[in-house]
Amino acid sequence: MKFIAEINVMPLKALLDPQGKAVKLNMHNIGYKSVENVRIGKHITLELEAKNKNDANIKVEETCKKILSNPIIESYEFVIFNK
């Protein structure tokens, strides 16, 4: 079966996000003063072949841990859909 995984990788909340801070500052500079917090991350979509949804979950979990995120500074979450 084919599945699609939608994955979000974000900096850990306890860590500073310099890119998000720069975007927030620029937003304030152009008049968007109501913006209080900006966090910048990655959105990844991948298509995979798996026996079933549970197998797809295992494969995506492994991929996130080993390749797509750095567990020291990032967290991730994902959703899997049938294609």
PDB file of N, CA and C in Angstrom:
ATOM      1  N   MET A   1       0.840  -1.177   0.000  1.00  0.00           N
ATOM      2  CA  MET A   1       0.000   0.000   0.000  1.00  0.00           C
ATOM      3  C   MET A   1       0.884   1.239   0.000  1.00  0.00           C
ATOM      4  N   LYS A   2       0.374   2.295  -0.591  1.00  0.00           N
ATOM      5  CA  LYS A   2       1.098   3.566  -0.602  1.00  0.00           C
ATOM      6  C   LYS A   2       0.494   4.507   0.431  1.00  0.00           C
ATOM      7  N   PHE A   3       1.400   5.213   1.106  1.00  0.00           N
ATOM      8  CA  PHE A   3       1.003   6.175   2.127  1.00  0.00           C
ATOM      9  C   PHE A   3       1.724   7.495   1.884  1.00  0.00           C
ATOM     10  N   ILE A   4       1.135   8.555   2.414  1.00  0.00           N
ATOM     11  CA  ILE A   4       1.765   9.867   2.407  1.00  0.00           C
ATOM     12  C   ILE A   4       1.941  10.292   3.858  1.00  0.00           C
ATOM     13  N   ALA A   5       3.140  10.738   4.178  1.00  0.00           N
ATOM     14  CA  ALA A   5       3.424  11.239   5.527  1.00  0.00           C
ATOM     15  C   ALA A   5       3.658  12.743   5.456  1.00  0.00           C
ATOM     16  N   GLU A   6       2.979  13.466   6.302  1.00  0.00           N
ATOM     17  CA  GLU A   6       3.173  14.910   6.462  1.00  0.00           C
ATOM     18  C   GLU A   6       3.906  15.079   7.788  1.00  0.00           C
ATOM     19  N   ILE A   7       5.129  15.606   7.730  1.00  0.00           N
ATOM     20  CA  ILE A   7       6.003  15.673   8.898  1.00  0.00           C
ATOM     21  C   ILE A   7       6.356  17.127   9.199  1.00  0.00           C
ATOM     22  N   ASN A   8       6.258  17.509  10.455  1.00  0.00           N
ATOM     23  CA  ASN A   8       6.696  18.829  10.904  1.00  0.00           C
ATOM     24  C   ASN A   8       7.840  18.643  11.888  1.00  0.00           C
ATOM     25  N   VAL A   9       8.950  19.327  11.613  1.00  0.00           N
ATOM     26  CA  VAL A   9      10.121  19.305  12.484  1.00  0.00           C
ATOM     27  C   VAL A   9      10.312  20.730  12.992  1.00  0.00           C
ATOM     28  N   MET A  10      10.369  20.877  14.307  1.00  0.00           N
ATOM     29  CA  MET A  10      10.467  22.206  14.913  1.00  0.00           C
ATOM     30  C   MET A  10      11.592  22.240  15.951  1.00  0.00           C
ATOM     31  N   PRO A  11      12.179  23.427  16.163  1.00  0.00           N
ATOM     32  CA  PRO A  11      13.159  23.545  17.252  1.00  0.00           C
ATOM     33  C   PRO A  11      12.468  23.268  18.590  1.00  0.00           C
ATOM     34  N   LEU A  12      13.183  22.672  19.507  1.00  0.00           N
ATOM     35  CA  LEU A  12      12.619  22.439  20.836  1.00  0.00           C
ATOM     36  C   LEU A  12      12.219  23.768  21.458  1.00  0.00           C
ATOM     37  N   LYS A  13      11.109  23.771  22.180  1.00  0.00           N
ATOM     38  CA  LYS A  13      10.595  25.007  22.767  1.00  0.00           C
ATOM     39  C   LYS A  13      11.562  25.617  23.772  1.00  0.00           C
ATOM     40  N   ALA A  14      12.370  24.808  24.409  1.00  0.00           N
ATOM     41  CA  ALA A  14      13.310  25.312  25.414  1.00  0.00           C
ATOM     42  C   ALA A  14      14.503  26.039  24.783  1.00  0.00           C
ATOM     43  N   LEU A  15      14.689  25.870  23.465  1.00  0.00           N
ATOM     44  CA  LEU A  15      15.830  26.479  22.792  1.00  0.00           C
ATOM     45  C   LEU A  15      15.438  27.763  22.081  1.00  0.00           C
ATOM     46  N   LEU A  16      16.408  28.652  21.957  1.00  0.00           N
ATOM     47  CA  LEU A  16      16.189  29.869  21.179  1.00  0.00           C
ATOM     48  C   LEU A  16      16.057  29.498  19.708  1.00  0.00           C
ATOM     49  N   ASP A  17      15.270  30.282  18.981  1.00  0.00           N
ATOM     50  CA  ASP A  17      15.104  30.090  17.543  1.00  0.00           C
ATOM     51  C   ASP A  17      15.546  31.386  16.865  1.00  0.00           C
ATOM     52  N   PRO A  18      16.848  31.506  16.517  1.00  0.00           N
ATOM     53  CA  PRO A  18      17.351  32.753  15.957  1.00  0.00           C
ATOM     54  C   PRO A  18      16.637  33.178  14.675  1.00  0.00           C
ATOM     55  N   GLN A  19      16.298  32.219  13.839  1.00  0.00           N
ATOM     56  CA  GLN A  19      15.588  32.547  12.598  1.00  0.00           C
ATOM     57  C   GLN A  19      14.199  33.093  12.913  1.00  0.00           C
ATOM     58  N   GLY A  20      13.503  32.472  13.842  1.00  0.00           N
ATOM     59  CA  GLY A  20      12.191  32.958  14.255  1.00  0.00           C
ATOM     60  C   GLY A  20      12.272  34.335  14.886  1.00  0.00           C
ATOM     61  N   LYS A  21      13.319  34.564  15.682  1.00  0.00           N
ATOM     62  CA  LYS A  21      13.504  35.862  16.312  1.00  0.00           C
ATOM     63  C   LYS A  21      13.731  36.953  15.260  1.00  0.00           C
ATOM     64  N   ALA A  22      14.514  36.650  14.239  1.00  0.00           N
ATOM     65  CA  ALA A  22      14.765  37.618  13.163  1.00  0.00           C
ATOM     66  C   ALA A  22      13.480  37.938  12.405  1.00  0.00           C
ATOM     67  N   VAL A  23      12.664  36.928  12.143  1.00  0.00           N
ATOM     68  CA  VAL A  23      11.395  37.157  11.444  1.00  0.00           C
ATOM     69  C   VAL A  23      10.471  38.008  12.307  1.00  0.00           C
ATOM     70  N   LYS A  24      10.407  37.707  13.587  1.00  0.00           N
ATOM     71  CA  LYS A  24       9.565  38.501  14.501  1.00  0.00           C
ATOM     72  C   LYS A  24      10.005  39.960  14.499  1.00  0.00           C
ATOM     73  N   LEU A  25      11.315  40.206  14.585  1.00  0.00           N
ATOM     74  CA  LEU A  25      11.829  41.566  14.586  1.00  0.00           C
ATOM     75  C   LEU A  25      11.448  42.294  13.296  1.00  0.00           C
ATOM     76  N   ASN A  26      11.596  41.624  12.163  1.00  0.00           N
ATOM     77  CA  ASN A  26      11.228  42.235  10.890  1.00  0.00           C
ATOM     78  C   ASN A  26       9.733  42.499  10.803  1.00  0.00           C
ATOM     79  N   MET A  27       8.924  41.605  11.346  1.00  0.00           N
ATOM     80  CA  MET A  27       7.478  41.826  11.349  1.00  0.00           C
ATOM     81  C   MET A  27       7.128  43.053  12.179  1.00  0.00           C
ATOM     82  N   HIS A  28       7.793  43.211  13.320  1.00  0.00           N
ATOM     83  CA  HIS A  28       7.563  44.398  14.161  1.00  0.00           C
ATOM     84  C   HIS A  28       7.992  45.662  13.412  1.00  0.00           C
ATOM     85  N   ASN A  29       9.112  45.564  12.683  1.00  0.00           N
ATOM     86  CA  ASN A  29       9.624  46.719  11.952  1.00  0.00           C
ATOM     87  C   ASN A  29       8.676  47.191  10.843  1.00  0.00           C
ATOM     88  N   ILE A  30       7.888  46.286  10.301  1.00  0.00           N
ATOM     89  CA  ILE A  30       6.961  46.694   9.231  1.00  0.00           C
ATOM     90  C   ILE A  30       5.535  46.882   9.742  1.00  0.00           C
ATOM     91  N   GLY A  31       5.386  46.906  11.065  1.00  0.00           N
ATOM     92  CA  GLY A  31       4.103  47.283  11.634  1.00  0.00           C
ATOM     93  C   GLY A  31       3.260  46.183  12.237  1.00  0.00           C
ATOM     94  N   TYR A  32       3.712  44.941  12.206  1.00  0.00           N
ATOM     95  CA  TYR A  32       2.949  43.842  12.797  1.00  0.00           C
ATOM     96  C   TYR A  32       3.370  43.654  14.252  1.00  0.00           C
ATOM     97  N   LYS A  33       3.040  44.624  15.089  1.00  0.00           N
ATOM     98  CA  LYS A  33       3.469  44.642  16.483  1.00  0.00           C
ATOM     99  C   LYS A  33       2.767  43.585  17.340  1.00  0.00           C
ATOM    100  N   SER A  34       1.643  43.062  16.864  1.00  0.00           N
ATOM    101  CA  SER A  34       0.893  42.091  17.657  1.00  0.00           C
ATOM    102  C   SER A  34       1.509  40.691  17.622  1.00  0.00           C
ATOM    103  N   VAL A  35       2.464  40.466  16.749  1.00  0.00           N
ATOM    104  CA  VAL A  35       3.117  39.152  16.679  1.00  0.00           C
ATOM    105  C   VAL A  35       4.039  39.014  17.877  1.00  0.00           C
ATOM    106  N   GLU A  36       3.831  37.949  18.671  1.00  0.00           N
ATOM    107  CA  GLU A  36       4.596  37.780  19.898  1.00  0.00           C
ATOM    108  C   GLU A  36       5.645  36.682  19.824  1.00  0.00           C
ATOM    109  N   ASN A  37       5.442  35.678  19.007  1.00  0.00           N
ATOM    110  CA  ASN A  37       6.384  34.568  18.962  1.00  0.00           C
ATOM    111  C   ASN A  37       6.382  33.965  17.563  1.00  0.00           C
ATOM    112  N   VAL A  38       7.558  33.744  17.019  1.00  0.00           N
ATOM    113  CA  VAL A  38       7.694  33.101  15.714  1.00  0.00           C
ATOM    114  C   VAL A  38       8.684  31.961  15.875  1.00  0.00           C
ATOM    115  N   ARG A  39       8.314  30.776  15.441  1.00  0.00           N
ATOM    116  CA  ARG A  39       9.205  29.615  15.438  1.00  0.00           C
ATOM    117  C   ARG A  39       9.259  29.110  14.000  1.00  0.00           C
ATOM    118  N   ILE A  40      10.435  28.877  13.499  1.00  0.00           N
ATOM    119  CA  ILE A  40      10.633  28.430  12.131  1.00  0.00           C
ATOM    120  C   ILE A  40      11.082  26.967  12.167  1.00  0.00           C
ATOM    121  N   GLY A  41      10.438  26.141  11.364  1.00  0.00           N
ATOM    122  CA  GLY A  41      10.790  24.725  11.297  1.00  0.00           C
ATOM    123  C   GLY A  41      10.773  24.233   9.863  1.00  0.00           C
ATOM    124  N   LYS A  42      10.619  22.927   9.711  1.00  0.00           N
ATOM    125  CA  LYS A  42      10.589  22.298   8.394  1.00  0.00           C
ATOM    126  C   LYS A  42       9.296  21.508   8.250  1.00  0.00           C
ATOM    127  N   HIS A  43       8.728  21.551   7.051  1.00  0.00           N
ATOM    128  CA  HIS A  43       7.582  20.701   6.723  1.00  0.00           C
ATOM    129  C   HIS A  43       8.036  19.774   5.607  1.00  0.00           C
ATOM    130  N   ILE A  44       7.875  18.485   5.826  1.00  0.00           N
ATOM    131  CA  ILE A  44       8.338  17.473   4.870  1.00  0.00           C
ATOM    132  C   ILE A  44       7.166  16.581   4.501  1.00  0.00           C
ATOM    133  N   THR A  45       6.988  16.349   3.226  1.00  0.00           N
ATOM    134  CA  THR A  45       5.983  15.403   2.740  1.00  0.00           C
ATOM    135  C   THR A  45       6.729  14.280   2.040  1.00  0.00           C
ATOM    136  N   LEU A  46       6.413  13.051   2.414  1.00  0.00           N
ATOM    137  CA  LEU A  46       7.031  11.941   1.699  1.00  0.00           C
ATOM    138  C   LEU A  46       6.007  10.858   1.410  1.00  0.00           C
ATOM    139  N   GLU A  47       6.258  10.155   0.335  1.00  0.00           N
ATOM    140  CA  GLU A  47       5.401   9.048  -0.078  1.00  0.00           C
ATOM    141  C   GLU A  47       6.186   7.768   0.162  1.00  0.00           C
ATOM    142  N   LEU A  48       5.522   6.763   0.734  1.00  0.00           N
ATOM    143  CA  LEU A  48       6.217   5.520   1.027  1.00  0.00           C
ATOM    144  C   LEU A  48       5.316   4.321   0.798  1.00  0.00           C
ATOM    145  N   GLU A  49       5.954   3.212   0.608  1.00  0.00           N
ATOM    146  CA  GLU A  49       5.279   1.923   0.444  1.00  0.00           C
ATOM    147  C   GLU A  49       5.410   1.170   1.760  1.00  0.00           C
ATOM    148  N   ALA A  50       4.293   0.611   2.248  1.00  0.00           N
ATOM    149  CA  ALA A  50       4.307  -0.164   3.485  1.00  0.00           C
ATOM    150  C   ALA A  50       3.186  -1.198   3.447  1.00  0.00           C
ATOM    151  N   LYS A  51       3.319  -2.247   4.281  1.00  0.00           N
ATOM    152  CA  LYS A  51       2.303  -3.304   4.316  1.00  0.00           C
ATOM    153  C   LYS A  51       0.965  -2.784   4.820  1.00  0.00           C
ATOM    154  N   ASN A  52       1.042  -1.899   5.835  1.00  0.00           N
ATOM    155  CA  ASN A  52      -0.170  -1.343   6.441  1.00  0.00           C
ATOM    156  C   ASN A  52       0.196  -0.028   7.129  1.00  0.00           C
ATOM    157  N   LYS A  53      -0.788   0.616   7.737  1.00  0.00           N
ATOM    158  CA  LYS A  53      -0.547   1.922   8.351  1.00  0.00           C
ATOM    159  C   LYS A  53       0.409   1.824   9.544  1.00  0.00           C
ATOM    160  N   ASN A  54       0.334   0.754  10.308  1.00  0.00           N
ATOM    161  CA  ASN A  54       1.241   0.565  11.432  1.00  0.00           C
ATOM    162  C   ASN A  54       2.686   0.463  10.951  1.00  0.00           C
ATOM    163  N   ASP A  55       2.909  -0.298   9.877  1.00  0.00           N
ATOM    164  CA  ASP A  55       4.246  -0.427   9.303  1.00  0.00           C
ATOM    165  C   ASP A  55       4.730   0.934   8.782  1.00  0.00           C
ATOM    166  N   ALA A  56       3.836   1.701   8.176  1.00  0.00           N
ATOM    167  CA  ALA A  56       4.184   3.041   7.691  1.00  0.00           C
ATOM    168  C   ALA A  56       4.584   3.936   8.866  1.00  0.00           C
ATOM    169  N   ASN A  57       3.847   3.857   9.972  1.00  0.00           N
ATOM    170  CA  ASN A  57       4.188   4.638  11.171  1.00  0.00           C
ATOM    171  C   ASN A  57       5.589   4.305  11.663  1.00  0.00           C
ATOM    172  N   ILE A  58       5.919   3.035  11.699  1.00  0.00           N
ATOM    173  CA  ILE A  58       7.243   2.608  12.162  1.00  0.00           C
ATOM    174  C   ILE A  58       8.330   3.162  11.249  1.00  0.00           C
ATOM    175  N   LYS A  59       8.120   3.053   9.944  1.00  0.00           N
ATOM    176  CA  LYS A  59       9.116   3.542   8.980  1.00  0.00           C
ATOM    177  C   LYS A  59       9.305   5.053   9.086  1.00  0.00           C
ATOM    178  N   VAL A  60       8.216   5.794   9.197  1.00  0.00           N
ATOM    179  CA  VAL A  60       8.315   7.247   9.289  1.00  0.00           C
ATOM    180  C   VAL A  60       8.977   7.645  10.609  1.00  0.00           C
ATOM    181  N   GLU A  61       8.620   6.986  11.689  1.00  0.00           N
ATOM    182  CA  GLU A  61       9.239   7.260  12.995  1.00  0.00           C
ATOM    183  C   GLU A  61      10.756   7.071  12.916  1.00  0.00           C
ATOM    184  N   GLU A  62      11.195   5.970  12.327  1.00  0.00           N
ATOM    185  CA  GLU A  62      12.633   5.704  12.172  1.00  0.00           C
ATOM    186  C   GLU A  62      13.301   6.765  11.314  1.00  0.00           C
ATOM    187  N   THR A  63      12.636   7.152  10.224  1.00  0.00           N
ATOM    188  CA  THR A  63      13.189   8.169   9.328  1.00  0.00           C
ATOM    189  C   THR A  63      13.334   9.504  10.051  1.00  0.00           C
ATOM    190  N   CYS A  64      12.331   9.861  10.828  1.00  0.00           N
ATOM    191  CA  CYS A  64      12.396  11.120  11.579  1.00  0.00           C
ATOM    192  C   CYS A  64      13.542  11.098  12.579  1.00  0.00           C
ATOM    193  N   LYS A  65      13.692   9.992  13.295  1.00  0.00           N
ATOM    194  CA  LYS A  65      14.732   9.889  14.323  1.00  0.00           C
ATOM    195  C   LYS A  65      16.140   9.870  13.725  1.00  0.00           C
ATOM    196  N   LYS A  66      16.306   9.151  12.600  1.00  0.00           N
ATOM    197  CA  LYS A  66      17.647   8.929  12.052  1.00  0.00           C
ATOM    198  C   LYS A  66      18.091   9.963  11.029  1.00  0.00           C
ATOM    199  N   ILE A  67      17.144  10.579  10.309  1.00  0.00           N
ATOM    200  CA  ILE A  67      17.532  11.423   9.180  1.00  0.00           C
ATOM    201  C   ILE A  67      16.945  12.829   9.233  1.00  0.00           C
ATOM    202  N   LEU A  68      15.655  12.938   9.489  1.00  0.00           N
ATOM    203  CA  LEU A  68      14.959  14.205   9.287  1.00  0.00           C
ATOM    204  C   LEU A  68      15.054  15.185  10.446  1.00  0.00           C
ATOM    205  N   SER A  69      15.394  14.724  11.629  1.00  0.00           N
ATOM    206  CA  SER A  69      15.474  15.640  12.770  1.00  0.00           C
ATOM    207  C   SER A  69      16.740  15.378  13.573  1.00  0.00           C
ATOM    208  N   ASN A  70      17.128  16.389  14.316  1.00  0.00           N
ATOM    209  CA  ASN A  70      18.226  16.259  15.263  1.00  0.00           C
ATOM    210  C   ASN A  70      17.584  16.256  16.647  1.00  0.00           C
ATOM    211  N   PRO A  71      17.471  15.098  17.299  1.00  0.00           N
ATOM    212  CA  PRO A  71      16.720  15.009  18.558  1.00  0.00           C
ATOM    213  C   PRO A  71      17.290  15.866  19.686  1.00  0.00           C
ATOM    214  N   ILE A  72      18.510  16.338  19.550  1.00  0.00           N
ATOM    215  CA  ILE A  72      19.104  17.183  20.583  1.00  0.00           C
ATOM    216  C   ILE A  72      18.470  18.573  20.564  1.00  0.00           C
ATOM    217  N   ILE A  73      18.092  19.057  19.371  1.00  0.00           N
ATOM    218  CA  ILE A  73      17.575  20.427  19.258  1.00  0.00           C
ATOM    219  C   ILE A  73      16.204  20.525  18.604  1.00  0.00           C
ATOM    220  N   GLU A  74      15.654  19.393  18.115  1.00  0.00           N
ATOM    221  CA  GLU A  74      14.384  19.449  17.390  1.00  0.00           C
ATOM    222  C   GLU A  74      13.414  18.378  17.876  1.00  0.00           C
ATOM    223  N   SER A  75      12.128  18.694  17.720  1.00  0.00           N
ATOM    224  CA  SER A  75      11.067  17.710  17.929  1.00  0.00           C
ATOM    225  C   SER A  75      10.362  17.523  16.592  1.00  0.00           C
ATOM    226  N   TYR A  76       9.573  16.482  16.497  1.00  0.00           N
ATOM    227  CA  TYR A  76       8.829  16.248  15.257  1.00  0.00           C
ATOM    228  C   TYR A  76       7.484  15.634  15.575  1.00  0.00           C
ATOM    229  N   GLU A  77       6.582  15.790  14.627  1.00  0.00           N
ATOM    230  CA  GLU A  77       5.293  15.110  14.680  1.00  0.00           C
ATOM    231  C   GLU A  77       4.905  14.811  13.240  1.00  0.00           C
ATOM    232  N   PHE A  78       4.096  13.788  13.065  1.00  0.00           N
ATOM    233  CA  PHE A  78       3.688  13.451  11.701  1.00  0.00           C
ATOM    234  C   PHE A  78       2.305  12.837  11.679  1.00  0.00           C
ATOM    235  N   VAL A  79       1.712  12.902  10.496  1.00  0.00           N
ATOM    236  CA  VAL A  79       0.415  12.293  10.228  1.00  0.00           C
ATOM    237  C   VAL A  79       0.577  11.491   8.947  1.00  0.00           C
ATOM    238  N   ILE A  80      -0.021  10.306   8.933  1.00  0.00           N
ATOM    239  CA  ILE A  80       0.075   9.442   7.751  1.00  0.00           C
ATOM    240  C   ILE A  80      -1.313   9.250   7.156  1.00  0.00           C
ATOM    241  N   PHE A  81      -1.380   9.372   5.835  1.00  0.00           N
ATOM    242  CA  PHE A  81      -2.631   9.206   5.088  1.00  0.00           C
ATOM    243  C   PHE A  81      -2.456   8.099   4.063  1.00  0.00           C
ATOM    244  N   ASN A  82      -3.535   7.397   3.763  1.00  0.00           N
ATOM    245  CA  ASN A  82      -3.525   6.475   2.616  1.00  0.00           C
ATOM    246  C   ASN A  82      -3.474   7.301   1.349  1.00  0.00           C
ATOM    247  N   LYS A  83      -2.730   6.812   0.370  1.00  0.00           N
ATOM    248  CA  LYS A  83      -2.694   7.522  -0.906  1.00  0.00           C
ATOM    249  C   LYS A  83      -3.796   7.046  -1.788  1.00  0.00           C
TER     250      LYS A  83
END
